[in-house]
PDB file of N, CA and C in Angstrom:
ATOM      1  N   UNK A   1      89.124  97.992 -40.457  1.00  0.00           N
ATOM      2  CA  UNK A   1      89.355  99.437 -39.681  1.00  0.00           C
ATOM      3  C   UNK A   1      89.192 100.291 -40.146  1.00  0.00           C
ATOM      4  N   UNK A   2      88.912 100.965 -41.092  1.00  0.00           N
ATOM      5  CA  UNK A   2      88.025 102.623 -40.250  1.00  0.00           C
ATOM      6  C   UNK A   2      86.812 102.380 -41.209  1.00  0.00           C
ATOM      7  N   UNK A   3      85.800 101.275 -41.382  1.00  0.00           N
ATOM      8  CA  UNK A   3      84.193 100.995 -40.862  1.00  0.00           C
ATOM      9  C   UNK A   3      84.314 101.323 -38.989  1.00  0.00           C
ATOM     10  N   UNK A   4      85.006 100.735 -38.531  1.00  0.00           N
ATOM     11  CA  UNK A   4      84.917 100.835 -37.939  1.00  0.00           C
ATOM     12  C   UNK A   4      84.941 102.193 -36.850  1.00  0.00           C
ATOM     13  N   UNK A   5      86.061 102.695 -37.158  1.00  0.00           N
ATOM     14  CA  UNK A   5      86.507 104.034 -36.953  1.00  0.00           C
ATOM     15  C   UNK A   5      85.725 105.311 -37.360  1.00  0.00           C
ATOM     16  N   UNK A   6      84.658 104.951 -38.196  1.00  0.00           N
ATOM     17  CA  UNK A   6      83.528 105.619 -39.215  1.00  0.00           C
ATOM     18  C   UNK A   6      82.410 105.576 -37.909  1.00  0.00           C
ATOM     19  N   UNK A   7      82.043 104.618 -37.807  1.00  0.00           N
ATOM     20  CA  UNK A   7      81.030 104.550 -36.224  1.00  0.00           C
ATOM     21  C   UNK A   7      80.939 105.298 -35.588  1.00  0.00           C
ATOM     22  N   UNK A   8      81.974 105.658 -34.610  1.00  0.00           N
ATOM     23  CA  UNK A   8      82.393 105.993 -33.447  1.00  0.00           C
ATOM     24  C   UNK A   8      81.719 107.870 -33.891  1.00  0.00           C
ATOM     25  N   UNK A   9      82.061 107.955 -35.017  1.00  0.00           N
ATOM     26  CA  UNK A   9      82.068 109.350 -35.414  1.00  0.00           C
ATOM     27  C   UNK A   9      80.237 110.051 -35.281  1.00  0.00           C
ATOM     28  N   UNK A  10      80.177 111.214 -34.984  1.00  0.00           N
ATOM     29  CA  UNK A  10      79.230 111.812 -35.394  1.00  0.00           C
ATOM     30  C   UNK A  10      78.173 112.925 -36.267  1.00  0.00           C
ATOM     31  N   UNK A  11      78.278 113.282 -36.787  1.00  0.00           N
ATOM     32  CA  UNK A  11      77.056 113.785 -37.984  1.00  0.00           C
ATOM     33  C   UNK A  11      76.483 114.785 -36.959  1.00  0.00           C
ATOM     34  N   UNK A  12      77.646 116.383 -37.118  1.00  0.00           N
ATOM     35  CA  UNK A  12      77.336 117.632 -36.551  1.00  0.00           C
ATOM     36  C   UNK A  12      76.017 117.944 -37.431  1.00  0.00           C
ATOM     37  N   UNK A  13      74.672 118.374 -37.126  1.00  0.00           N
ATOM     38  CA  UNK A  13      74.069 119.012 -38.227  1.00  0.00           C
ATOM     39  C   UNK A  13      74.084 120.384 -37.536  1.00  0.00           C
ATOM     40  N   UNK A  14      73.597 122.102 -38.598  1.00  0.00           N
ATOM     41  CA  UNK A  14      73.373 123.172 -38.866  1.00  0.00           C
ATOM     42  C   UNK A  14      72.081 123.355 -38.051  1.00  0.00           C
ATOM     43  N   UNK A  15      71.558 124.579 -37.678  1.00  0.00           N
ATOM     44  CA  UNK A  15      70.225 124.215 -36.800  1.00  0.00           C
ATOM     45  C   UNK A  15      69.339 124.020 -38.623  1.00  0.00           C
ATOM     46  N   UNK A  16      69.552 124.837 -39.537  1.00  0.00           N
ATOM     47  CA  UNK A  16      68.683 124.489 -40.437  1.00  0.00           C
ATOM     48  C   UNK A  16      68.002 123.128 -40.744  1.00  0.00           C
ATOM     49  N   UNK A  17      69.410 122.622 -40.554  1.00  0.00           N
ATOM     50  CA  UNK A  17      69.119 120.997 -40.448  1.00  0.00           C
ATOM     51  C   UNK A  17      68.385 120.525 -39.663  1.00  0.00           C
ATOM     52  N   UNK A  18      68.352 120.927 -39.160  1.00  0.00           N
ATOM     53  CA  UNK A  18      67.447 120.561 -38.246  1.00  0.00           C
ATOM     54  C   UNK A  18      65.962 120.377 -37.892  1.00  0.00           C
ATOM     55  N   UNK A  19      66.048 122.208 -38.170  1.00  0.00           N
ATOM     56  CA  UNK A  19      64.372 122.076 -38.093  1.00  0.00           C
ATOM     57  C   UNK A  19      63.586 121.757 -39.595  1.00  0.00           C
ATOM     58  N   UNK A  20      64.969 120.914 -41.126  1.00  0.00           N
ATOM     59  CA  UNK A  20      64.089 120.793 -41.452  1.00  0.00           C
ATOM     60  C   UNK A  20      63.794 119.390 -41.126  1.00  0.00           C
ATOM     61  N   UNK A  21      64.712 118.770 -40.173  1.00  0.00           N
ATOM     62  CA  UNK A  21      63.338 117.357 -39.283  1.00  0.00           C
ATOM     63  C   UNK A  21      62.623 117.170 -39.242  1.00  0.00           C
ATOM     64  N   UNK A  22      63.043 118.558 -37.312  1.00  0.00           N
ATOM     65  CA  UNK A  22      61.292 118.400 -36.604  1.00  0.00           C
ATOM     66  C   UNK A  22      61.070 120.140 -37.041  1.00  0.00           C
ATOM     67  N   UNK A  23      59.870 120.281 -37.311  1.00  0.00           N
ATOM     68  CA  UNK A  23      59.418 121.611 -37.911  1.00  0.00           C
ATOM     69  C   UNK A  23      59.048 122.794 -37.166  1.00  0.00           C
ATOM     70  N   UNK A  24      59.837 123.265 -36.709  1.00  0.00           N
ATOM     71  CA  UNK A  24      59.727 124.268 -36.068  1.00  0.00           C
ATOM     72  C   UNK A  24      59.979 125.164 -35.362  1.00  0.00           C
ATOM     73  N   UNK A  25      59.788 127.002 -34.779  1.00  0.00           N
ATOM     74  CA  UNK A  25      60.430 128.049 -35.098  1.00  0.00           C
ATOM     75  C   UNK A  25      61.454 127.625 -34.312  1.00  0.00           C
ATOM     76  N   UNK A  26      62.507 128.680 -34.762  1.00  0.00           N
ATOM     77  CA  UNK A  26      63.634 128.523 -34.002  1.00  0.00           C
ATOM     78  C   UNK A  26      63.214 129.155 -32.947  1.00  0.00           C
ATOM     79  N   UNK A  27      63.029 130.078 -32.157  1.00  0.00           N
ATOM     80  CA  UNK A  27      62.315 131.144 -31.185  1.00  0.00           C
ATOM     81  C   UNK A  27      62.102 129.265 -30.400  1.00  0.00           C
ATOM     82  N   UNK A  28      60.874 128.558 -31.196  1.00  0.00           N
ATOM     83  CA  UNK A  28      60.488 127.935 -30.231  1.00  0.00           C
ATOM     84  C   UNK A  28      61.512 126.070 -30.779  1.00  0.00           C
ATOM     85  N   UNK A  29      62.136 126.226 -30.941  1.00  0.00           N
ATOM     86  CA  UNK A  29      63.286 125.610 -30.671  1.00  0.00           C
ATOM     87  C   UNK A  29      64.385 125.990 -29.488  1.00  0.00           C
ATOM     88  N   UNK A  30      63.935 127.410 -29.876  1.00  0.00           N
ATOM     89  CA  UNK A  30      65.824 127.823 -28.502  1.00  0.00           C
ATOM     90  C   UNK A  30      65.203 127.343 -27.739  1.00  0.00           C
ATOM     91  N   UNK A  31      63.232 127.901 -27.348  1.00  0.00           N
ATOM     92  CA  UNK A  31      62.576 127.574 -26.022  1.00  0.00           C
ATOM     93  C   UNK A  31      62.627 126.751 -25.856  1.00  0.00           C
ATOM     94  N   UNK A  32      62.889 125.270 -26.327  1.00  0.00           N
ATOM     95  CA  UNK A  32      63.172 123.357 -26.028  1.00  0.00           C
ATOM     96  C   UNK A  32      63.738 123.980 -25.734  1.00  0.00           C
ATOM     97  N   UNK A  33      64.992 124.426 -25.973  1.00  0.00           N
ATOM     98  CA  UNK A  33      66.711 123.849 -26.054  1.00  0.00           C
ATOM     99  C   UNK A  33      66.625 124.196 -24.191  1.00  0.00           C
ATOM    100  N   UNK A  34      65.966 125.651 -23.976  1.00  0.00           N
ATOM    101  CA  UNK A  34      66.578 125.500 -22.715  1.00  0.00           C
ATOM    102  C   UNK A  34      65.377 125.430 -21.570  1.00  0.00           C
ATOM    103  N   UNK A  35      64.580 125.282 -22.237  1.00  0.00           N
ATOM    104  CA  UNK A  35      63.123 124.199 -21.053  1.00  0.00           C
ATOM    105  C   UNK A  35      63.825 122.861 -20.715  1.00  0.00           C
ATOM    106  N   UNK A  36      64.737 122.251 -21.907  1.00  0.00           N
ATOM    107  CA  UNK A  36      65.426 120.597 -21.478  1.00  0.00           C
ATOM    108  C   UNK A  36      64.151 119.647 -22.867  1.00  0.00           C
ATOM    109  N   UNK A  37      62.756 120.192 -23.105  1.00  0.00           N
ATOM    110  CA  UNK A  37      62.598 119.412 -24.017  1.00  0.00           C
ATOM    111  C   UNK A  37      63.432 118.736 -25.489  1.00  0.00           C
ATOM    112  N   UNK A  38      64.738 119.629 -26.216  1.00  0.00           N
ATOM    113  CA  UNK A  38      65.606 120.000 -26.841  1.00  0.00           C
ATOM    114  C   UNK A  38      66.949 119.557 -26.681  1.00  0.00           C
ATOM    115  N   UNK A  39      67.395 118.816 -27.904  1.00  0.00           N
ATOM    116  CA  UNK A  39      69.108 118.889 -27.286  1.00  0.00           C
ATOM    117  C   UNK A  39      69.484 119.836 -26.598  1.00  0.00           C
ATOM    118  N   UNK A  40      71.077 119.866 -26.112  1.00  0.00           N
ATOM    119  CA  UNK A  40      71.639 120.936 -26.014  1.00  0.00           C
ATOM    120  C   UNK A  40      72.999 120.994 -27.418  1.00  0.00           C
ATOM    121  N   UNK A  41      72.888 122.403 -27.627  1.00  0.00           N
ATOM    122  CA  UNK A  41      73.780 122.271 -28.990  1.00  0.00           C
ATOM    123  C   UNK A  41      75.494 121.906 -28.565  1.00  0.00           C
ATOM    124  N   UNK A  42      75.773 121.534 -29.260  1.00  0.00           N
ATOM    125  CA  UNK A  42      77.495 121.681 -29.423  1.00  0.00           C
ATOM    126  C   UNK A  42      77.755 122.467 -30.265  1.00  0.00           C
ATOM    127  N   UNK A  43      79.294 123.623 -29.638  1.00  0.00           N
ATOM    128  CA  UNK A  43      80.066 124.884 -28.914  1.00  0.00           C
ATOM    129  C   UNK A  43      80.858 124.432 -30.315  1.00  0.00           C
ATOM    130  N   UNK A  44      80.477 124.861 -31.939  1.00  0.00           N
ATOM    131  CA  UNK A  44      81.770 125.219 -32.309  1.00  0.00           C
ATOM    132  C   UNK A  44      82.879 125.933 -32.694  1.00  0.00           C
ATOM    133  N   UNK A  45      81.789 126.886 -32.135  1.00  0.00           N
ATOM    134  CA  UNK A  45      82.955 129.086 -32.243  1.00  0.00           C
ATOM    135  C   UNK A  45      81.486 129.638 -31.139  1.00  0.00           C
ATOM    136  N   UNK A  46      82.101 130.262 -31.279  1.00  0.00           N
ATOM    137  CA  UNK A  46      81.256 131.422 -29.549  1.00  0.00           C
ATOM    138  C   UNK A  46      80.210 132.197 -30.283  1.00  0.00           C
ATOM    139  N   UNK A  47      79.813 131.933 -31.651  1.00  0.00           N
ATOM    140  CA  UNK A  47      78.616 132.104 -31.540  1.00  0.00           C
ATOM    141  C   UNK A  47      77.846 131.201 -33.249  1.00  0.00           C
ATOM    142  N   UNK A  48      78.441 129.471 -32.966  1.00  0.00           N
ATOM    143  CA  UNK A  48      78.219 128.666 -34.129  1.00  0.00           C
ATOM    144  C   UNK A  48      77.744 127.767 -33.337  1.00  0.00           C
ATOM    145  N   UNK A  49      76.430 126.969 -33.276  1.00  0.00           N
ATOM    146  CA  UNK A  49      76.137 125.673 -32.414  1.00  0.00           C
ATOM    147  C   UNK A  49      75.884 124.802 -33.770  1.00  0.00           C
ATOM    148  N   UNK A  50      76.083 123.829 -33.612  1.00  0.00           N
ATOM    149  CA  UNK A  50      74.950 122.701 -34.056  1.00  0.00           C
ATOM    150  C   UNK A  50      74.775 121.323 -33.518  1.00  0.00           C
ATOM    151  N   UNK A  51      74.311 120.408 -33.200  1.00  0.00           N
ATOM    152  CA  UNK A  51      73.734 119.306 -33.072  1.00  0.00           C
ATOM    153  C   UNK A  51      74.014 117.997 -33.288  1.00  0.00           C
ATOM    154  N   UNK A  52      74.559 116.607 -32.311  1.00  0.00           N
ATOM    155  CA  UNK A  52      74.552 115.627 -32.773  1.00  0.00           C
ATOM    156  C   UNK A  52      73.683 114.877 -34.003  1.00  0.00           C
ATOM    157  N   UNK A  53      73.519 114.540 -34.424  1.00  0.00           N
ATOM    158  CA  UNK A  53      72.740 114.026 -35.003  1.00  0.00           C
ATOM    159  C   UNK A  53      72.023 112.821 -34.494  1.00  0.00           C
ATOM    160  N   UNK A  54      72.519 112.167 -33.741  1.00  0.00           N
ATOM    161  CA  UNK A  54      72.413 110.492 -32.938  1.00  0.00           C
ATOM    162  C   UNK A  54      71.584 111.274 -32.182  1.00  0.00           C
ATOM    163  N   UNK A  55      71.587 112.562 -31.652  1.00  0.00           N
ATOM    164  CA  UNK A  55      71.025 112.968 -30.576  1.00  0.00           C
ATOM    165  C   UNK A  55      69.816 113.635 -30.532  1.00  0.00           C
ATOM    166  N   UNK A  56      69.495 113.425 -31.894  1.00  0.00           N
ATOM    167  CA  UNK A  56      68.139 114.717 -33.259  1.00  0.00           C
ATOM    168  C   UNK A  56      67.060 112.592 -33.408  1.00  0.00           C
ATOM    169  N   UNK A  57      68.522 111.964 -34.338  1.00  0.00           N
ATOM    170  CA  UNK A  57      67.535 110.710 -34.769  1.00  0.00           C
ATOM    171  C   UNK A  57      66.962 110.593 -33.801  1.00  0.00           C
ATOM    172  N   UNK A  58      67.515 110.679 -32.445  1.00  0.00           N
ATOM    173  CA  UNK A  58      67.161 110.066 -30.702  1.00  0.00           C
ATOM    174  C   UNK A  58      65.848 110.764 -30.673  1.00  0.00           C
ATOM    175  N   UNK A  59      65.262 112.383 -30.797  1.00  0.00           N
ATOM    176  CA  UNK A  59      64.846 112.970 -30.864  1.00  0.00           C
ATOM    177  C   UNK A  59      62.850 112.818 -31.671  1.00  0.00           C
ATOM    178  N   UNK A  60      63.629 111.584 -32.668  1.00  0.00           N
ATOM    179  CA  UNK A  60      62.397 111.785 -34.234  1.00  0.00           C
ATOM    180  C   UNK A  60      60.937 110.744 -33.173  1.00  0.00           C
ATOM    181  N   UNK A  61      62.488 109.214 -32.759  1.00  0.00           N
ATOM    182  CA  UNK A  61      62.422 107.978 -33.075  1.00  0.00           C
ATOM    183  C   UNK A  61      61.657 108.335 -31.187  1.00  0.00           C
ATOM    184  N   UNK A  62      61.971 108.600 -30.633  1.00  0.00           N
ATOM    185  CA  UNK A  62      61.539 108.979 -28.809  1.00  0.00           C
ATOM    186  C   UNK A  62      59.511 109.789 -28.766  1.00  0.00           C
ATOM    187  N   UNK A  63      60.140 110.656 -30.172  1.00  0.00           N
ATOM    188  CA  UNK A  63      58.457 112.137 -30.350  1.00  0.00           C
ATOM    189  C   UNK A  63      59.263 112.928 -29.757  1.00  0.00           C
ATOM    190  N   UNK A  64      58.085 114.089 -30.254  1.00  0.00           N
ATOM    191  CA  UNK A  64      59.140 115.472 -29.427  1.00  0.00           C
ATOM    192  C   UNK A  64      57.940 115.819 -27.933  1.00  0.00           C
ATOM    193  N   UNK A  65      57.943 115.894 -27.273  1.00  0.00           N
ATOM    194  CA  UNK A  65      57.105 115.465 -26.021  1.00  0.00           C
ATOM    195  C   UNK A  65      57.100 117.669 -25.922  1.00  0.00           C
TER     196      UNK A  65
END
């Protein structure tokens, strides 16, 4: 039962972790979010953002455009 429950949970990555996977500058990353090139973050607080690992994996799989 717990294996099935864990499959539905998506890991959240902070910006520094995302930029290790997608090697671009912070300003390029934020511009890409604004243009729709990169996935939208999940808000963890008023100034704290994170990204779903599944969204980042999909971006890597499809290739950064």
